């Protein structure tokens, strides 16, 4: 079994009940395929790097789980058809996940609205 992490940005206008139902659905998808959920976090609303479906921010959900290889394809297939999902990313980990400073992430993205990144260089506009 491999260790994976999945980050999902969902519609920021979703109700807490819709988000909780979505989280339970992801958990069930993982455990139904003999996966083991190790960590789940709701990071709250964070500004997106670029607009997706006319939204500038999304509610970020973070999952770390151990599973067989086929589970990623099944999970991503479900995520593709869910209206609530804006974007997602799954990464296979080689070791334990690093801690994410969510406050820093929010601050960096709020400041990104005043700056642009071009050619690998940080420029003020």
C-alpha atoms as a PDB file:
ATOM      1  CA  UNK A   1       0.000   0.000   0.000  1.00  0.00           C
ATOM      2  CA  UNK A   2       1.150   3.515  -0.832  1.00  0.00           C
ATOM      3  CA  UNK A   3       0.742   6.790   1.028  1.00  0.00           C
ATOM      4  CA  UNK A   4      -1.154   9.542  -0.818  1.00  0.00           C
ATOM      5  CA  UNK A   5      -2.318  13.067  -0.124  1.00  0.00           C
ATOM      6  CA  UNK A   6      -5.206  14.748  -1.926  1.00  0.00           C
ATOM      7  CA  UNK A   7      -6.051  18.427  -1.781  1.00  0.00           C
ATOM      8  CA  UNK A   8      -9.479  19.438  -3.039  1.00  0.00           C
ATOM      9  CA  UNK A   9     -10.849  22.954  -3.539  1.00  0.00           C
ATOM     10  CA  UNK A  10     -14.637  23.039  -3.399  1.00  0.00           C
ATOM     11  CA  UNK A  11     -17.234  25.710  -4.130  1.00  0.00           C
ATOM     12  CA  UNK A  12     -16.891  28.514  -1.545  1.00  0.00           C
ATOM     13  CA  UNK A  13     -20.675  29.014  -1.518  1.00  0.00           C
ATOM     14  CA  UNK A  14     -21.294  25.459  -0.295  1.00  0.00           C
ATOM     15  CA  UNK A  15     -23.009  25.132   3.074  1.00  0.00           C
ATOM     16  CA  UNK A  16     -21.186  23.465   5.986  1.00  0.00           C
ATOM     17  CA  UNK A  17     -23.627  20.535   5.670  1.00  0.00           C
ATOM     18  CA  UNK A  18     -22.769  20.082   1.978  1.00  0.00           C
ATOM     19  CA  UNK A  19     -19.061  20.157   2.763  1.00  0.00           C
ATOM     20  CA  UNK A  20     -19.459  17.652   5.618  1.00  0.00           C
ATOM     21  CA  UNK A  21     -21.456  15.350   3.340  1.00  0.00           C
ATOM     22  CA  UNK A  22     -18.742  15.673   0.682  1.00  0.00           C
ATOM     23  CA  UNK A  23     -15.997  14.844   3.212  1.00  0.00           C
ATOM     24  CA  UNK A  24     -17.926  11.748   4.335  1.00  0.00           C
ATOM     25  CA  UNK A  25     -18.319  10.685   0.699  1.00  0.00           C
ATOM     26  CA  UNK A  26     -14.537  10.963   0.150  1.00  0.00           C
ATOM     27  CA  UNK A  27     -13.887   9.018   3.366  1.00  0.00           C
ATOM     28  CA  UNK A  28     -16.287   6.261   2.270  1.00  0.00           C
ATOM     29  CA  UNK A  29     -14.649   6.058  -1.149  1.00  0.00           C
ATOM     30  CA  UNK A  30     -11.260   5.559   0.501  1.00  0.00           C
ATOM     31  CA  UNK A  31     -12.386   3.028   3.140  1.00  0.00           C
ATOM     32  CA  UNK A  32     -14.620   1.088   0.727  1.00  0.00           C
ATOM     33  CA  UNK A  33     -11.499   0.186  -1.264  1.00  0.00           C
ATOM     34  CA  UNK A  34      -9.607  -1.015   1.849  1.00  0.00           C
ATOM     35  CA  UNK A  35      -7.793   2.298   2.203  1.00  0.00           C
ATOM     36  CA  UNK A  36      -6.925   3.805   5.554  1.00  0.00           C
ATOM     37  CA  UNK A  37      -7.592   7.508   6.134  1.00  0.00           C
ATOM     38  CA  UNK A  38      -4.808   8.910   8.291  1.00  0.00           C
ATOM     39  CA  UNK A  39      -5.573  12.610   8.301  1.00  0.00           C
ATOM     40  CA  UNK A  40      -8.257  15.008   7.137  1.00  0.00           C
ATOM     41  CA  UNK A  41      -8.356  18.762   7.526  1.00  0.00           C
ATOM     42  CA  UNK A  42     -10.610  21.589   6.433  1.00  0.00           C
ATOM     43  CA  UNK A  43      -8.328  24.540   5.668  1.00  0.00           C
ATOM     44  CA  UNK A  44     -11.235  26.914   5.053  1.00  0.00           C
ATOM     45  CA  UNK A  45     -11.518  29.510   2.315  1.00  0.00           C
ATOM     46  CA  UNK A  46      -8.308  30.333   0.485  1.00  0.00           C
ATOM     47  CA  UNK A  47      -7.847  32.480  -2.619  1.00  0.00           C
ATOM     48  CA  UNK A  48      -7.304  30.442  -5.791  1.00  0.00           C
ATOM     49  CA  UNK A  49      -4.268  31.100  -7.959  1.00  0.00           C
ATOM     50  CA  UNK A  50      -6.606  31.872 -10.854  1.00  0.00           C
ATOM     51  CA  UNK A  51     -10.412  31.939 -11.286  1.00  0.00           C
ATOM     52  CA  UNK A  52     -12.095  28.552 -11.702  1.00  0.00           C
ATOM     53  CA  UNK A  53     -15.776  28.373 -12.700  1.00  0.00           C
ATOM     54  CA  UNK A  54     -15.947  32.117 -11.949  1.00  0.00           C
ATOM     55  CA  UNK A  55     -14.785  31.649  -8.343  1.00  0.00           C
ATOM     56  CA  UNK A  56     -11.703  33.428  -6.987  1.00  0.00           C
ATOM     57  CA  UNK A  57     -11.516  31.380  -3.793  1.00  0.00           C
ATOM     58  CA  UNK A  58     -12.366  27.877  -2.658  1.00  0.00           C
ATOM     59  CA  UNK A  59     -12.758  25.842   0.510  1.00  0.00           C
ATOM     60  CA  UNK A  60      -9.676  23.626   0.694  1.00  0.00           C
ATOM     61  CA  UNK A  61      -9.932  20.083   2.050  1.00  0.00           C
ATOM     62  CA  UNK A  62      -6.847  17.973   2.776  1.00  0.00           C
ATOM     63  CA  UNK A  63      -6.700  14.171   3.029  1.00  0.00           C
ATOM     64  CA  UNK A  64      -3.787  11.812   3.748  1.00  0.00           C
ATOM     65  CA  UNK A  65      -4.457   8.110   3.269  1.00  0.00           C
ATOM     66  CA  UNK A  66      -2.809   4.768   2.672  1.00  0.00           C
ATOM     67  CA  UNK A  67      -4.256   2.717  -0.144  1.00  0.00           C
ATOM     68  CA  UNK A  68      -3.649   0.514  -3.132  1.00  0.00           C
ATOM     69  CA  UNK A  69      -2.813   2.174  -6.429  1.00  0.00           C
ATOM     70  CA  UNK A  70      -6.255   1.740  -8.005  1.00  0.00           C
ATOM     71  CA  UNK A  71      -8.026   3.826  -5.393  1.00  0.00           C
ATOM     72  CA  UNK A  72      -6.604   7.100  -6.755  1.00  0.00           C
ATOM     73  CA  UNK A  73      -8.212   6.525 -10.152  1.00  0.00           C
ATOM     74  CA  UNK A  74     -11.557   5.680  -8.528  1.00  0.00           C
ATOM     75  CA  UNK A  75     -11.449   8.712  -6.235  1.00  0.00           C
ATOM     76  CA  UNK A  76     -10.470  11.099  -9.028  1.00  0.00           C
ATOM     77  CA  UNK A  77     -13.170   9.670 -11.298  1.00  0.00           C
ATOM     78  CA  UNK A  78     -15.756  10.576  -8.623  1.00  0.00           C
ATOM     79  CA  UNK A  79     -14.247  14.022  -8.071  1.00  0.00           C
ATOM     80  CA  UNK A  80     -14.443  14.852 -11.796  1.00  0.00           C
ATOM     81  CA  UNK A  81     -18.228  14.487 -11.877  1.00  0.00           C
ATOM     82  CA  UNK A  82     -19.036  16.247  -8.592  1.00  0.00           C
ATOM     83  CA  UNK A  83     -20.459  19.757  -9.033  1.00  0.00           C
ATOM     84  CA  UNK A  84     -19.015  20.922  -5.713  1.00  0.00           C
ATOM     85  CA  UNK A  85     -15.385  20.303  -6.774  1.00  0.00           C
ATOM     86  CA  UNK A  86     -13.452  23.142  -8.387  1.00  0.00           C
ATOM     87  CA  UNK A  87     -10.027  21.504  -8.626  1.00  0.00           C
ATOM     88  CA  UNK A  88      -8.057  18.691  -6.974  1.00  0.00           C
ATOM     89  CA  UNK A  89      -4.557  17.255  -6.816  1.00  0.00           C
ATOM     90  CA  UNK A  90      -3.357  13.858  -5.602  1.00  0.00           C
ATOM     91  CA  UNK A  91       0.308  13.188  -4.840  1.00  0.00           C
ATOM     92  CA  UNK A  92       2.033   9.922  -3.937  1.00  0.00           C
ATOM     93  CA  UNK A  93       4.190  10.509  -0.866  1.00  0.00           C
ATOM     94  CA  UNK A  94       7.595   8.959  -0.282  1.00  0.00           C
ATOM     95  CA  UNK A  95       7.515   9.621   3.448  1.00  0.00           C
ATOM     96  CA  UNK A  96       5.296  11.151   6.103  1.00  0.00           C
ATOM     97  CA  UNK A  97       3.503  14.337   5.001  1.00  0.00           C
ATOM     98  CA  UNK A  98       4.994  17.687   5.944  1.00  0.00           C
ATOM     99  CA  UNK A  99       2.986  20.053   8.088  1.00  0.00           C
ATOM    100  CA  UNK A 100       1.297  22.842   6.150  1.00  0.00           C
ATOM    101  CA  UNK A 101       1.133  26.329   7.619  1.00  0.00           C
ATOM    102  CA  UNK A 102      -2.398  27.257   6.528  1.00  0.00           C
ATOM    103  CA  UNK A 103      -2.143  30.797   7.951  1.00  0.00           C
ATOM    104  CA  UNK A 104       0.920  31.420   5.797  1.00  0.00           C
ATOM    105  CA  UNK A 105      -0.855  29.933   2.786  1.00  0.00           C
ATOM    106  CA  UNK A 106      -3.797  32.309   3.252  1.00  0.00           C
ATOM    107  CA  UNK A 107      -1.469  35.284   3.736  1.00  0.00           C
ATOM    108  CA  UNK A 108       0.626  34.449   0.660  1.00  0.00           C
ATOM    109  CA  UNK A 109      -2.437  34.184  -1.550  1.00  0.00           C
ATOM    110  CA  UNK A 110      -3.999  37.362  -0.209  1.00  0.00           C
ATOM    111  CA  UNK A 111      -0.764  39.179  -1.024  1.00  0.00           C
ATOM    112  CA  UNK A 112      -0.603  37.519  -4.462  1.00  0.00           C
ATOM    113  CA  UNK A 113      -3.497  39.711  -5.574  1.00  0.00           C
ATOM    114  CA  UNK A 114      -1.138  42.705  -5.439  1.00  0.00           C
ATOM    115  CA  UNK A 115       1.778  40.991  -7.198  1.00  0.00           C
ATOM    116  CA  UNK A 116       2.365  38.970 -10.333  1.00  0.00           C
ATOM    117  CA  UNK A 117       4.829  36.181 -10.997  1.00  0.00           C
ATOM    118  CA  UNK A 118       6.481  36.241 -14.416  1.00  0.00           C
ATOM    119  CA  UNK A 119       9.390  34.235 -15.743  1.00  0.00           C
ATOM    120  CA  UNK A 120      10.272  32.930 -12.311  1.00  0.00           C
ATOM    121  CA  UNK A 121      10.824  36.484 -11.064  1.00  0.00           C
ATOM    122  CA  UNK A 122       8.736  38.245  -8.441  1.00  0.00           C
ATOM    123  CA  UNK A 123       7.547  41.614  -9.751  1.00  0.00           C
ATOM    124  CA  UNK A 124       5.329  44.363  -8.396  1.00  0.00           C
ATOM    125  CA  UNK A 125       2.735  45.768 -10.826  1.00  0.00           C
END
